[in-house]
Amino acid sequence: MKVLVIVVTYNALQWIDRCLASLLNSTIPVDCIVIDNMSTDDTVKYIKKSYKWVHLVSSKKNLGFGQGNNIGLQYAIDNNYEFVYLLNQDAWIFPDTLRNLIDVYNLHTEYGIIKSVSPGY
C-alpha cells in the first residue's frame, strides 16, 4: 500500500517538527512531499537538513494552498500512490490516524474522500 502525505508550507519553521515527526510514528508507512510556497524563514533549509526522507519542492513563487496541493496530487498520480492525505503545516497525526482512515475506506469503498477531525472539533 502506497500512502503519500502532502504538506504545503509557508514560514512553517515553528510547526514543522511536530508535523513531520508525527509521520515517522505512523503505524502505516508513508512517503511525504512538502511543497514550500517561498518561505522567508528557514523552513526549506531546515527540512533539507532534518528530514532528508521528505521530497521537497521549493516553489519560486507563492502558489497558495490549493495550487500547492495540486502539485502534490500530481506527484501522487505520477507515482501510483493508492492513498493521499493532506496535512496542514501546523497539524500532526496520531500513530493510528492513517490506519483508522484506511480501515473506514476498506469498509466503504464507495467513499471518495475521508477526513480526520481533531478530538476538539
PDB file of N, CA and C in Angstrom:
ATOM      1  N   MET A   1       0.862  -1.180   0.000  1.00  0.00           N
ATOM      2  CA  MET A   1       0.000   0.000   0.000  1.00  0.00           C
ATOM      3  C   MET A   1       0.899   1.230   0.000  1.00  0.00           C
ATOM      4  N   LYS A   2       0.650   2.121  -0.941  1.00  0.00           N
ATOM      5  CA  LYS A   2       1.443   3.344  -1.050  1.00  0.00           C
ATOM      6  C   LYS A   2       0.604   4.525  -0.578  1.00  0.00           C
ATOM      7  N   VAL A   3       1.116   5.214   0.444  1.00  0.00           N
ATOM      8  CA  VAL A   3       0.426   6.365   1.026  1.00  0.00           C
ATOM      9  C   VAL A   3       1.351   7.573   0.932  1.00  0.00           C
ATOM     10  N   LEU A   4       0.817   8.660   0.392  1.00  0.00           N
ATOM     11  CA  LEU A   4       1.565   9.913   0.301  1.00  0.00           C
ATOM     12  C   LEU A   4       0.892  10.960   1.168  1.00  0.00           C
ATOM     13  N   VAL A   5       1.691  11.629   1.989  1.00  0.00           N
ATOM     14  CA  VAL A   5       1.210  12.766   2.770  1.00  0.00           C
ATOM     15  C   VAL A   5       1.735  14.027   2.096  1.00  0.00           C
ATOM     16  N   ILE A   6       0.814  14.955   1.834  1.00  0.00           N
ATOM     17  CA  ILE A   6       1.158  16.234   1.206  1.00  0.00           C
ATOM     18  C   ILE A   6       1.069  17.334   2.260  1.00  0.00           C
ATOM     19  N   VAL A   7       2.145  18.103   2.390  1.00  0.00           N
ATOM     20  CA  VAL A   7       2.169  19.239   3.309  1.00  0.00           C
ATOM     21  C   VAL A   7       2.580  20.472   2.504  1.00  0.00           C
ATOM     22  N   VAL A   8       1.736  21.474   2.493  1.00  0.00           N
ATOM     23  CA  VAL A   8       2.057  22.748   1.854  1.00  0.00           C
ATOM     24  C   VAL A   8       2.523  23.694   2.955  1.00  0.00           C
ATOM     25  N   THR A   9       3.697  24.287   2.766  1.00  0.00           N
ATOM     26  CA  THR A   9       4.256  25.134   3.816  1.00  0.00           C
ATOM     27  C   THR A   9       4.461  26.575   3.349  1.00  0.00           C
ATOM     28  N   TYR A  10       4.401  27.443   4.333  1.00  0.00           N
ATOM     29  CA  TYR A  10       4.823  28.829   4.181  1.00  0.00           C
ATOM     30  C   TYR A  10       5.229  29.314   5.570  1.00  0.00           C
ATOM     31  N   ASN A  11       6.509  29.612   5.736  1.00  0.00           N
ATOM     32  CA  ASN A  11       7.043  30.047   7.032  1.00  0.00           C
ATOM     33  C   ASN A  11       6.575  29.123   8.155  1.00  0.00           C
ATOM     34  N   ALA A  12       6.874  27.841   7.996  1.00  0.00           N
ATOM     35  CA  ALA A  12       6.360  26.800   8.893  1.00  0.00           C
ATOM     36  C   ALA A  12       7.360  26.358   9.955  1.00  0.00           C
ATOM     37  N   LEU A  13       8.456  27.040  10.085  1.00  0.00           N
ATOM     38  CA  LEU A  13       9.528  26.584  10.960  1.00  0.00           C
ATOM     39  C   LEU A  13       9.058  26.254  12.380  1.00  0.00           C
ATOM     40  N   GLN A  14       8.143  27.042  12.911  1.00  0.00           N
ATOM     41  CA  GLN A  14       7.702  26.819  14.296  1.00  0.00           C
ATOM     42  C   GLN A  14       6.860  25.555  14.468  1.00  0.00           C
ATOM     43  N   TRP A  15       6.301  25.014  13.373  1.00  0.00           N
ATOM     44  CA  TRP A  15       5.411  23.852  13.468  1.00  0.00           C
ATOM     45  C   TRP A  15       5.968  22.593  12.812  1.00  0.00           C
ATOM     46  N   ILE A  16       6.927  22.731  11.920  1.00  0.00           N
ATOM     47  CA  ILE A  16       7.268  21.635  11.020  1.00  0.00           C
ATOM     48  C   ILE A  16       7.796  20.394  11.724  1.00  0.00           C
ATOM     49  N   ASP A  17       8.500  20.549  12.825  1.00  0.00           N
ATOM     50  CA  ASP A  17       8.980  19.369  13.551  1.00  0.00           C
ATOM     51  C   ASP A  17       7.837  18.481  14.011  1.00  0.00           C
ATOM     52  N   ARG A  18       6.855  19.075  14.653  1.00  0.00           N
ATOM     53  CA  ARG A  18       5.741  18.268  15.159  1.00  0.00           C
ATOM     54  C   ARG A  18       4.981  17.622  14.008  1.00  0.00           C
ATOM     55  N   CYS A  19       4.808  18.360  12.945  1.00  0.00           N
ATOM     56  CA  CYS A  19       4.090  17.868  11.772  1.00  0.00           C
ATOM     57  C   CYS A  19       4.803  16.673  11.149  1.00  0.00           C
ATOM     58  N   LEU A  20       6.047  16.859  10.732  1.00  0.00           N
ATOM     59  CA  LEU A  20       6.761  15.805  10.021  1.00  0.00           C
ATOM     60  C   LEU A  20       7.169  14.654  10.931  1.00  0.00           C
ATOM     61  N   ALA A  21       7.541  14.946  12.169  1.00  0.00           N
ATOM     62  CA  ALA A  21       7.916  13.874  13.098  1.00  0.00           C
ATOM     63  C   ALA A  21       6.744  12.941  13.367  1.00  0.00           C
ATOM     64  N   SER A  22       5.535  13.471  13.355  1.00  0.00           N
ATOM     65  CA  SER A  22       4.370  12.614  13.604  1.00  0.00           C
ATOM     66  C   SER A  22       4.224  11.554  12.519  1.00  0.00           C
ATOM     67  N   LEU A  23       4.689  11.846  11.320  1.00  0.00           N
ATOM     68  CA  LEU A  23       4.591  10.882  10.224  1.00  0.00           C
ATOM     69  C   LEU A  23       5.493   9.678  10.455  1.00  0.00           C
ATOM     70  N   LEU A  24       6.597   9.899  11.139  1.00  0.00           N
ATOM     71  CA  LEU A  24       7.524   8.807  11.438  1.00  0.00           C
ATOM     72  C   LEU A  24       6.930   7.802  12.417  1.00  0.00           C
ATOM     73  N   ASN A  25       5.952   8.236  13.191  1.00  0.00           N
ATOM     74  CA  ASN A  25       5.321   7.368  14.181  1.00  0.00           C
ATOM     75  C   ASN A  25       4.053   6.700  13.674  1.00  0.00           C
ATOM     76  N   SER A  26       3.715   6.917  12.422  1.00  0.00           N
ATOM     77  CA  SER A  26       2.509   6.336  11.855  1.00  0.00           C
ATOM     78  C   SER A  26       2.628   4.816  11.800  1.00  0.00           C
ATOM     79  N   THR A  27       1.545   4.123  12.146  1.00  0.00           N
ATOM     80  CA  THR A  27       1.534   2.664  12.043  1.00  0.00           C
ATOM     81  C   THR A  27       1.472   2.226  10.580  1.00  0.00           C
ATOM     82  N   ILE A  28       1.134   3.132   9.699  1.00  0.00           N
ATOM     83  CA  ILE A  28       1.164   2.897   8.254  1.00  0.00           C
ATOM     84  C   ILE A  28       2.370   3.664   7.709  1.00  0.00           C
ATOM     85  N   PRO A  29       3.305   3.000   7.064  1.00  0.00           N
ATOM     86  CA  PRO A  29       4.445   3.724   6.480  1.00  0.00           C
ATOM     87  C   PRO A  29       3.964   4.706   5.407  1.00  0.00           C
ATOM     88  N   VAL A  30       4.553   5.887   5.396  1.00  0.00           N
ATOM     89  CA  VAL A  30       4.144   6.911   4.445  1.00  0.00           C
ATOM     90  C   VAL A  30       5.356   7.531   3.770  1.00  0.00           C
ATOM     91  N   ASP A  31       5.104   8.076   2.593  1.00  0.00           N
ATOM     92  CA  ASP A  31       6.034   8.977   1.948  1.00  0.00           C
ATOM     93  C   ASP A  31       5.461  10.373   2.138  1.00  0.00           C
ATOM     94  N   CYS A  32       6.309  11.371   2.013  1.00  0.00           N
ATOM     95  CA  CYS A  32       5.843  12.743   2.223  1.00  0.00           C
ATOM     96  C   CYS A  32       6.442  13.659   1.170  1.00  0.00           C
ATOM     97  N   ILE A  33       5.593  14.525   0.652  1.00  0.00           N
ATOM     98  CA  ILE A  33       6.038  15.604  -0.221  1.00  0.00           C
ATOM     99  C   ILE A  33       5.653  16.912   0.453  1.00  0.00           C
ATOM    100  N   VAL A  34       6.611  17.813   0.556  1.00  0.00           N
ATOM    101  CA  VAL A  34       6.368  19.152   1.079  1.00  0.00           C
ATOM    102  C   VAL A  34       6.521  20.122  -0.080  1.00  0.00           C
ATOM    103  N   ILE A  35       5.501  20.934  -0.276  1.00  0.00           N
ATOM    104  CA  ILE A  35       5.564  21.989  -1.286  1.00  0.00           C
ATOM    105  C   ILE A  35       5.674  23.295  -0.524  1.00  0.00           C
ATOM    106  N   ASP A  36       6.822  23.933  -0.620  1.00  0.00           N
ATOM    107  CA  ASP A  36       7.025  25.185   0.104  1.00  0.00           C
ATOM    108  C   ASP A  36       6.701  26.367  -0.799  1.00  0.00           C
ATOM    109  N   ASN A  37       5.878  27.262  -0.276  1.00  0.00           N
ATOM    110  CA  ASN A  37       5.407  28.433  -1.013  1.00  0.00           C
ATOM    111  C   ASN A  37       6.303  29.648  -0.785  1.00  0.00           C
ATOM    112  N   MET A  38       7.600  29.472  -1.051  1.00  0.00           N
ATOM    113  CA  MET A  38       8.550  30.582  -0.988  1.00  0.00           C
ATOM    114  C   MET A  38       8.667  31.177   0.417  1.00  0.00           C
ATOM    115  N   SER A  39       8.841  30.302   1.395  1.00  0.00           N
ATOM    116  CA  SER A  39       9.006  30.762   2.775  1.00  0.00           C
ATOM    117  C   SER A  39      10.163  31.743   2.884  1.00  0.00           C
ATOM    118  N   THR A  40       9.999  32.710   3.786  1.00  0.00           N
ATOM    119  CA  THR A  40      11.058  33.687   4.033  1.00  0.00           C
ATOM    120  C   THR A  40      11.819  33.377   5.317  1.00  0.00           C
ATOM    121  N   ASP A  41      11.385  32.345   6.044  1.00  0.00           N
ATOM    122  CA  ASP A  41      12.137  31.899   7.209  1.00  0.00           C
ATOM    123  C   ASP A  41      13.036  30.732   6.761  1.00  0.00           C
ATOM    124  N   ASP A  42      13.517  29.930   7.670  1.00  0.00           N
ATOM    125  CA  ASP A  42      14.433  28.839   7.326  1.00  0.00           C
ATOM    126  C   ASP A  42      13.737  27.498   7.128  1.00  0.00           C
ATOM    127  N   THR A  43      12.457  27.511   6.775  1.00  0.00           N
ATOM    128  CA  THR A  43      11.709  26.266   6.611  1.00  0.00           C
ATOM    129  C   THR A  43      12.388  25.316   5.630  1.00  0.00           C
ATOM    130  N   VAL A  44      12.720  25.784   4.447  1.00  0.00           N
ATOM    131  CA  VAL A  44      13.303  24.923   3.411  1.00  0.00           C
ATOM    132  C   VAL A  44      14.653  24.380   3.868  1.00  0.00           C
ATOM    133  N   LYS A  45      15.496  25.244   4.358  1.00  0.00           N
ATOM    134  CA  LYS A  45      16.820  24.840   4.826  1.00  0.00           C
ATOM    135  C   LYS A  45      16.698  23.790   5.936  1.00  0.00           C
ATOM    136  N   TYR A  46      15.778  23.997   6.851  1.00  0.00           N
ATOM    137  CA  TYR A  46      15.597  23.079   7.973  1.00  0.00           C
ATOM    138  C   TYR A  46      15.094  21.711   7.510  1.00  0.00           C
ATOM    139  N   ILE A  47      14.138  21.699   6.606  1.00  0.00           N
ATOM    140  CA  ILE A  47      13.622  20.417   6.099  1.00  0.00           C
ATOM    141  C   ILE A  47      14.721  19.662   5.357  1.00  0.00           C
ATOM    142  N   LYS A  48      15.489  20.360   4.531  1.00  0.00           N
ATOM    143  CA  LYS A  48      16.583  19.716   3.803  1.00  0.00           C
ATOM    144  C   LYS A  48      17.580  19.071   4.760  1.00  0.00           C
ATOM    145  N   LYS A  49      17.850  19.745   5.865  1.00  0.00           N
ATOM    146  CA  LYS A  49      18.831  19.257   6.829  1.00  0.00           C
ATOM    147  C   LYS A  49      18.266  18.157   7.726  1.00  0.00           C
ATOM    148  N   SER A  50      17.042  18.315   8.181  1.00  0.00           N
ATOM    149  CA  SER A  50      16.499  17.440   9.220  1.00  0.00           C
ATOM    150  C   SER A  50      15.601  16.318   8.721  1.00  0.00           C
ATOM    151  N   TYR A  51      15.059  16.452   7.540  1.00  0.00           N
ATOM    152  CA  TYR A  51      14.091  15.475   7.025  1.00  0.00           C
ATOM    153  C   TYR A  51      14.471  15.067   5.605  1.00  0.00           C
ATOM    154  N   LYS A  52      15.586  14.415   5.481  1.00  0.00           N
ATOM    155  CA  LYS A  52      16.117  14.035   4.166  1.00  0.00           C
ATOM    156  C   LYS A  52      15.194  13.067   3.423  1.00  0.00           C
ATOM    157  N   TRP A  53      14.339  12.364   4.127  1.00  0.00           N
ATOM    158  CA  TRP A  53      13.397  11.414   3.516  1.00  0.00           C
ATOM    159  C   TRP A  53      12.198  12.100   2.868  1.00  0.00           C
ATOM    160  N   VAL A  54      12.035  13.383   3.128  1.00  0.00           N
ATOM    161  CA  VAL A  54      10.918  14.148   2.566  1.00  0.00           C
ATOM    162  C   VAL A  54      11.276  14.621   1.155  1.00  0.00           C
ATOM    163  N   HIS A  55      10.346  14.437   0.242  1.00  0.00           N
ATOM    164  CA  HIS A  55      10.510  15.004  -1.109  1.00  0.00           C
ATOM    165  C   HIS A  55      10.093  16.478  -1.014  1.00  0.00           C
ATOM    166  N   LEU A  56      11.024  17.380  -1.204  1.00  0.00           N
ATOM    167  CA  LEU A  56      10.782  18.810  -1.015  1.00  0.00           C
ATOM    168  C   LEU A  56      10.742  19.520  -2.359  1.00  0.00           C
ATOM    169  N   VAL A  57       9.683  20.285  -2.566  1.00  0.00           N
ATOM    170  CA  VAL A  57       9.548  21.119  -3.752  1.00  0.00           C
ATOM    171  C   VAL A  57       9.539  22.569  -3.270  1.00  0.00           C
ATOM    172  N   SER A  58      10.528  23.341  -3.702  1.00  0.00           N
ATOM    173  CA  SER A  58      10.619  24.753  -3.322  1.00  0.00           C
ATOM    174  C   SER A  58      10.097  25.591  -4.475  1.00  0.00           C
ATOM    175  N   SER A  59       8.928  26.162  -4.293  1.00  0.00           N
ATOM    176  CA  SER A  59       8.323  26.965  -5.343  1.00  0.00           C
ATOM    177  C   SER A  59       9.051  28.301  -5.472  1.00  0.00           C
ATOM    178  N   LYS A  60       9.120  28.787  -6.683  1.00  0.00           N
ATOM    179  CA  LYS A  60       9.749  30.087  -6.948  1.00  0.00           C
ATOM    180  C   LYS A  60       8.794  31.248  -6.692  1.00  0.00           C
ATOM    181  N   LYS A  61       7.504  30.905  -6.448  1.00  0.00           N
ATOM    182  CA  LYS A  61       6.531  31.923  -6.064  1.00  0.00           C
ATOM    183  C   LYS A  61       5.510  31.279  -5.132  1.00  0.00           C
ATOM    184  N   ASN A  62       4.783  32.104  -4.425  1.00  0.00           N
ATOM    185  CA  ASN A  62       3.774  31.589  -3.513  1.00  0.00           C
ATOM    186  C   ASN A  62       2.540  31.203  -4.329  1.00  0.00           C
ATOM    187  N   LEU A  63       2.333  29.908  -4.456  1.00  0.00           N
ATOM    188  CA  LEU A  63       1.222  29.382  -5.251  1.00  0.00           C
ATOM    189  C   LEU A  63      -0.078  29.303  -4.466  1.00  0.00           C
ATOM    190  N   GLY A  64      -0.004  29.437  -3.162  1.00  0.00           N
ATOM    191  CA  GLY A  64      -1.182  29.277  -2.327  1.00  0.00           C
ATOM    192  C   GLY A  64      -1.407  27.812  -1.967  1.00  0.00           C
ATOM    193  N   PHE A  65      -2.353  27.589  -1.089  1.00  0.00           N
ATOM    194  CA  PHE A  65      -2.632  26.256  -0.567  1.00  0.00           C
ATOM    195  C   PHE A  65      -3.162  25.310  -1.645  1.00  0.00           C
ATOM    196  N   GLY A  66      -4.101  25.773  -2.430  1.00  0.00           N
ATOM    197  CA  GLY A  66      -4.728  24.917  -3.440  1.00  0.00           C
ATOM    198  C   GLY A  66      -3.752  24.460  -4.510  1.00  0.00           C
ATOM    199  N   GLN A  67      -3.035  25.389  -5.105  1.00  0.00           N
ATOM    200  CA  GLN A  67      -2.087  25.022  -6.158  1.00  0.00           C
ATOM    201  C   GLN A  67      -0.931  24.192  -5.606  1.00  0.00           C
ATOM    202  N   GLY A  68      -0.543  24.478  -4.374  1.00  0.00           N
ATOM    203  CA  GLY A  68       0.498  23.661  -3.742  1.00  0.00           C
ATOM    204  C   GLY A  68       0.048  22.215  -3.615  1.00  0.00           C
ATOM    205  N   ASN A  69      -1.169  22.017  -3.160  1.00  0.00           N
ATOM    206  CA  ASN A  69      -1.704  20.661  -3.051  1.00  0.00           C
ATOM    207  C   ASN A  69      -1.841  20.012  -4.422  1.00  0.00           C
ATOM    208  N   ASN A  70      -2.179  20.782  -5.443  1.00  0.00           N
ATOM    209  CA  ASN A  70      -2.281  20.225  -6.794  1.00  0.00           C
ATOM    210  C   ASN A  70      -0.944  19.649  -7.263  1.00  0.00           C
ATOM    211  N   ILE A  71       0.158  20.295  -6.906  1.00  0.00           N
ATOM    212  CA  ILE A  71       1.487  19.765  -7.243  1.00  0.00           C
ATOM    213  C   ILE A  71       1.675  18.412  -6.554  1.00  0.00           C
ATOM    214  N   GLY A  72       1.307  18.342  -5.281  1.00  0.00           N
ATOM    215  CA  GLY A  72       1.422  17.085  -4.554  1.00  0.00           C
ATOM    216  C   GLY A  72       0.518  15.999  -5.110  1.00  0.00           C
ATOM    217  N   LEU A  73      -0.699  16.363  -5.486  1.00  0.00           N
ATOM    218  CA  LEU A  73      -1.627  15.390  -6.053  1.00  0.00           C
ATOM    219  C   LEU A  73      -1.129  14.864  -7.397  1.00  0.00           C
ATOM    220  N   GLN A  74      -0.555  15.734  -8.216  1.00  0.00           N
ATOM    221  CA  GLN A  74       0.006  15.273  -9.491  1.00  0.00           C
ATOM    222  C   GLN A  74       1.169  14.320  -9.238  1.00  0.00           C
ATOM    223  N   TYR A  75       1.976  14.614  -8.239  1.00  0.00           N
ATOM    224  CA  TYR A  75       3.087  13.729  -7.863  1.00  0.00           C
ATOM    225  C   TYR A  75       2.533  12.361  -7.445  1.00  0.00           C
ATOM    226  N   ALA A  76       1.447  12.357  -6.696  1.00  0.00           N
ATOM    227  CA  ALA A  76       0.825  11.101  -6.262  1.00  0.00           C
ATOM    228  C   ALA A  76       0.334  10.295  -7.464  1.00  0.00           C
ATOM    229  N   ILE A  77      -0.292  10.949  -8.411  1.00  0.00           N
ATOM    230  CA  ILE A  77      -0.784  10.274  -9.625  1.00  0.00           C
ATOM    231  C   ILE A  77       0.393   9.712 -10.428  1.00  0.00           C
ATOM    232  N   ASP A  78       1.404  10.552 -10.628  1.00  0.00           N
ATOM    233  CA  ASP A  78       2.562  10.141 -11.429  1.00  0.00           C
ATOM    234  C   ASP A  78       3.325   8.977 -10.807  1.00  0.00           C
ATOM    235  N   ASN A  79       3.229   8.826  -9.489  1.00  0.00           N
ATOM    236  CA  ASN A  79       3.980   7.791  -8.779  1.00  0.00           C
ATOM    237  C   ASN A  79       3.094   6.681  -8.223  1.00  0.00           C
ATOM    238  N   ASN A  80       1.863   6.608  -8.715  1.00  0.00           N
ATOM    239  CA  ASN A  80       0.954   5.492  -8.414  1.00  0.00           C
ATOM    240  C   ASN A  80       0.655   5.274  -6.928  1.00  0.00           C
ATOM    241  N   TYR A  81       0.418   6.355  -6.209  1.00  0.00           N
ATOM    242  CA  TYR A  81       0.009   6.215  -4.810  1.00  0.00           C
ATOM    243  C   TYR A  81      -1.450   5.798  -4.743  1.00  0.00           C
ATOM    244  N   GLU A  82      -1.765   4.919  -3.799  1.00  0.00           N
ATOM    245  CA  GLU A  82      -3.143   4.471  -3.597  1.00  0.00           C
ATOM    246  C   GLU A  82      -3.938   5.448  -2.749  1.00  0.00           C
ATOM    247  N   PHE A  83      -3.257   6.054  -1.776  1.00  0.00           N
ATOM    248  CA  PHE A  83      -3.913   6.963  -0.839  1.00  0.00           C
ATOM    249  C   PHE A  83      -3.101   8.239  -0.705  1.00  0.00           C
ATOM    250  N   VAL A  84      -3.815   9.348  -0.522  1.00  0.00           N
ATOM    251  CA  VAL A  84      -3.192  10.652  -0.311  1.00  0.00           C
ATOM    252  C   VAL A  84      -3.838  11.288   0.901  1.00  0.00           C
ATOM    253  N   TYR A  85      -3.015  11.881   1.755  1.00  0.00           N
ATOM    254  CA  TYR A  85      -3.505  12.567   2.947  1.00  0.00           C
ATOM    255  C   TYR A  85      -2.959  13.986   2.926  1.00  0.00           C
ATOM    256  N   LEU A  86      -3.844  14.975   2.968  1.00  0.00           N
ATOM    257  CA  LEU A  86      -3.431  16.374   3.023  1.00  0.00           C
ATOM    258  C   LEU A  86      -3.291  16.765   4.488  1.00  0.00           C
ATOM    259  N   LEU A  87      -2.108  17.217   4.858  1.00  0.00           N
ATOM    260  CA  LEU A  87      -1.824  17.566   6.252  1.00  0.00           C
ATOM    261  C   LEU A  87      -1.368  19.014   6.318  1.00  0.00           C
ATOM    262  N   ASN A  88      -2.041  19.814   7.116  1.00  0.00           N
ATOM    263  CA  ASN A  88      -1.639  21.211   7.284  1.00  0.00           C
ATOM    264  C   ASN A  88      -0.313  21.301   8.018  1.00  0.00           C
ATOM    265  N   GLN A  89       0.451  22.329   7.721  1.00  0.00           N
ATOM    266  CA  GLN A  89       1.778  22.507   8.306  1.00  0.00           C
ATOM    267  C   GLN A  89       1.757  22.642   9.823  1.00  0.00           C
ATOM    268  N   ASP A  90       0.665  23.098  10.389  1.00  0.00           N
ATOM    269  CA  ASP A  90       0.578  23.294  11.833  1.00  0.00           C
ATOM    270  C   ASP A  90      -0.224  22.178  12.503  1.00  0.00           C
ATOM    271  N   ALA A  91      -0.353  21.047  11.821  1.00  0.00           N
ATOM    272  CA  ALA A  91      -1.098  19.912  12.359  1.00  0.00           C
ATOM    273  C   ALA A  91      -0.188  18.691  12.397  1.00  0.00           C
ATOM    274  N   TRP A  92      -0.681  17.632  12.999  1.00  0.00           N
ATOM    275  CA  TRP A  92       0.074  16.385  13.087  1.00  0.00           C
ATOM    276  C   TRP A  92      -0.914  15.239  13.168  1.00  0.00           C
ATOM    277  N   ILE A  93      -0.402  14.032  12.976  1.00  0.00           N
ATOM    278  CA  ILE A  93      -1.266  12.864  13.062  1.00  0.00           C
ATOM    279  C   ILE A  93      -0.903  12.041  14.293  1.00  0.00           C
ATOM    280  N   PHE A  94      -1.864  11.250  14.750  1.00  0.00           N
ATOM    281  CA  PHE A  94      -1.614  10.258  15.786  1.00  0.00           C
ATOM    282  C   PHE A  94      -1.088   9.004  15.095  1.00  0.00           C
ATOM    283  N   PRO A  95      -0.409   8.120  15.799  1.00  0.00           N
ATOM    284  CA  PRO A  95       0.132   6.921  15.146  1.00  0.00           C
ATOM    285  C   PRO A  95      -0.899   6.114  14.365  1.00  0.00           C
ATOM    286  N   ASP A  96      -2.136   6.064  14.827  1.00  0.00           N
ATOM    287  CA  ASP A  96      -3.153   5.242  14.160  1.00  0.00           C
ATOM    288  C   ASP A  96      -4.101   6.030  13.244  1.00  0.00           C
ATOM    289  N   THR A  97      -3.847   7.299  13.022  1.00  0.00           N
ATOM    290  CA  THR A  97      -4.741   8.124  12.190  1.00  0.00           C
ATOM    291  C   THR A  97      -4.946   7.526  10.806  1.00  0.00           C
ATOM    292  N   LEU A  98      -3.870   7.245  10.118  1.00  0.00           N
ATOM    293  CA  LEU A  98      -3.992   6.753   8.751  1.00  0.00           C
ATOM    294  C   LEU A  98      -4.552   5.331   8.718  1.00  0.00           C
ATOM    295  N   ARG A  99      -4.174   4.511   9.670  1.00  0.00           N
ATOM    296  CA  ARG A  99      -4.730   3.153   9.768  1.00  0.00           C
ATOM    297  C   ARG A  99      -6.246   3.231   9.919  1.00  0.00           C
ATOM    298  N   ASN A 100      -6.729   4.097  10.793  1.00  0.00           N
ATOM    299  CA  ASN A 100      -8.171   4.233  11.007  1.00  0.00           C
ATOM    300  C   ASN A 100      -8.882   4.704   9.738  1.00  0.00           C
ATOM    301  N   LEU A 101      -8.297   5.655   9.038  1.00  0.00           N
ATOM    302  CA  LEU A 101      -8.906   6.147   7.803  1.00  0.00           C
ATOM    303  C   LEU A 101      -8.949   5.064   6.727  1.00  0.00           C
ATOM    304  N   ILE A 102      -7.890   4.306   6.611  1.00  0.00           N
ATOM    305  CA  ILE A 102      -7.859   3.227   5.620  1.00  0.00           C
ATOM    306  C   ILE A 102      -8.841   2.125   6.000  1.00  0.00           C
ATOM    307  N   ASP A 103      -8.988   1.857   7.286  1.00  0.00           N
ATOM    308  CA  ASP A 103      -9.990   0.873   7.733  1.00  0.00           C
ATOM    309  C   ASP A 103     -11.399   1.318   7.345  1.00  0.00           C
ATOM    310  N   VAL A 104     -11.702   2.601   7.516  1.00  0.00           N
ATOM    311  CA  VAL A 104     -13.013   3.125   7.112  1.00  0.00           C
ATOM    312  C   VAL A 104     -13.187   2.968   5.601  1.00  0.00           C
ATOM    313  N   TYR A 105     -12.150   3.300   4.848  1.00  0.00           N
ATOM    314  CA  TYR A 105     -12.235   3.148   3.399  1.00  0.00           C
ATOM    315  C   TYR A 105     -12.508   1.687   3.013  1.00  0.00           C
ATOM    316  N   ASN A 106     -11.808   0.766   3.649  1.00  0.00           N
ATOM    317  CA  ASN A 106     -11.989  -0.652   3.324  1.00  0.00           C
ATOM    318  C   ASN A 106     -13.409  -1.132   3.612  1.00  0.00           C
ATOM    319  N   LEU A 107     -14.071  -0.509   4.563  1.00  0.00           N
ATOM    320  CA  LEU A 107     -15.473  -0.838   4.856  1.00  0.00           C
ATOM    321  C   LEU A 107     -16.435  -0.133   3.900  1.00  0.00           C
ATOM    322  N   HIS A 108     -16.002   0.979   3.335  1.00  0.00           N
ATOM    323  CA  HIS A 108     -16.866   1.813   2.480  1.00  0.00           C
ATOM    324  C   HIS A 108     -16.094   2.254   1.243  1.00  0.00           C
ATOM    325  N   THR A 109     -15.808   1.325   0.362  1.00  0.00           N
ATOM    326  CA  THR A 109     -15.004   1.648  -0.819  1.00  0.00           C
ATOM    327  C   THR A 109     -15.715   2.609  -1.772  1.00  0.00           C
ATOM    328  N   GLU A 110     -16.999   2.849  -1.522  1.00  0.00           N
ATOM    329  CA  GLU A 110     -17.721   3.825  -2.344  1.00  0.00           C
ATOM    330  C   GLU A 110     -17.360   5.263  -1.966  1.00  0.00           C
ATOM    331  N   TYR A 111     -16.706   5.454  -0.829  1.00  0.00           N
ATOM    332  CA  TYR A 111     -16.286   6.795  -0.418  1.00  0.00           C
ATOM    333  C   TYR A 111     -15.094   7.235  -1.260  1.00  0.00           C
ATOM    334  N   GLY A 112     -15.121   8.472  -1.701  1.00  0.00           N
ATOM    335  CA  GLY A 112     -14.007   9.028  -2.454  1.00  0.00           C
ATOM    336  C   GLY A 112     -13.081   9.854  -1.581  1.00  0.00           C
ATOM    337  N   ILE A 113     -13.639  10.456  -0.538  1.00  0.00           N
ATOM    338  CA  ILE A 113     -12.857  11.303   0.364  1.00  0.00           C
ATOM    339  C   ILE A 113     -13.232  10.946   1.797  1.00  0.00           C
ATOM    340  N   ILE A 114     -12.215  10.773   2.618  1.00  0.00           N
ATOM    341  CA  ILE A 114     -12.406  10.524   4.044  1.00  0.00           C
ATOM    342  C   ILE A 114     -11.490  11.490   4.769  1.00  0.00           C
ATOM    343  N   LYS A 115     -11.981  12.122   5.814  1.00  0.00           N
ATOM    344  CA  LYS A 115     -11.134  13.062   6.537  1.00  0.00           C
ATOM    345  C   LYS A 115     -11.115  12.743   8.004  1.00  0.00           C
ATOM    346  N   SER A 116     -10.056  13.154   8.642  1.00  0.00           N
ATOM    347  CA  SER A 116      -9.956  13.008  10.094  1.00  0.00           C
ATOM    348  C   SER A 116     -10.266  14.354  10.724  1.00  0.00           C
ATOM    349  N   VAL A 117     -10.763  14.306  11.929  1.00  0.00           N
ATOM    350  CA  VAL A 117     -11.102  15.514  12.660  1.00  0.00           C
ATOM    351  C   VAL A 117     -10.441  15.428  14.025  1.00  0.00           C
ATOM    352  N   SER A 118      -9.840  16.522  14.449  1.00  0.00           N
ATOM    353  CA  SER A 118      -9.238  16.566  15.781  1.00  0.00           C
ATOM    354  C   SER A 118     -10.309  16.352  16.839  1.00  0.00           C
ATOM    355  N   PRO A 119      -9.939  15.714  17.960  1.00  0.00           N
ATOM    356  CA  PRO A 119     -10.927  15.447  19.007  1.00  0.00           C
ATOM    357  C   PRO A 119     -11.636  16.699  19.538  1.00  0.00           C
ATOM    358  N   GLY A 120     -11.023  17.856  19.444  1.00  0.00           N
ATOM    359  CA  GLY A 120     -11.618  19.073  19.987  1.00  0.00           C
ATOM    360  C   GLY A 120     -12.687  19.695  19.112  1.00  0.00           C
ATOM    361  N   TYR A 121     -12.905  19.172  17.917  1.00  0.00           N
ATOM    362  CA  TYR A 121     -13.879  19.783  16.998  1.00  0.00           C
ATOM    363  C   TYR A 121     -15.239  19.167  17.112  1.00  0.00           C
TER     364      TYR A 121
END
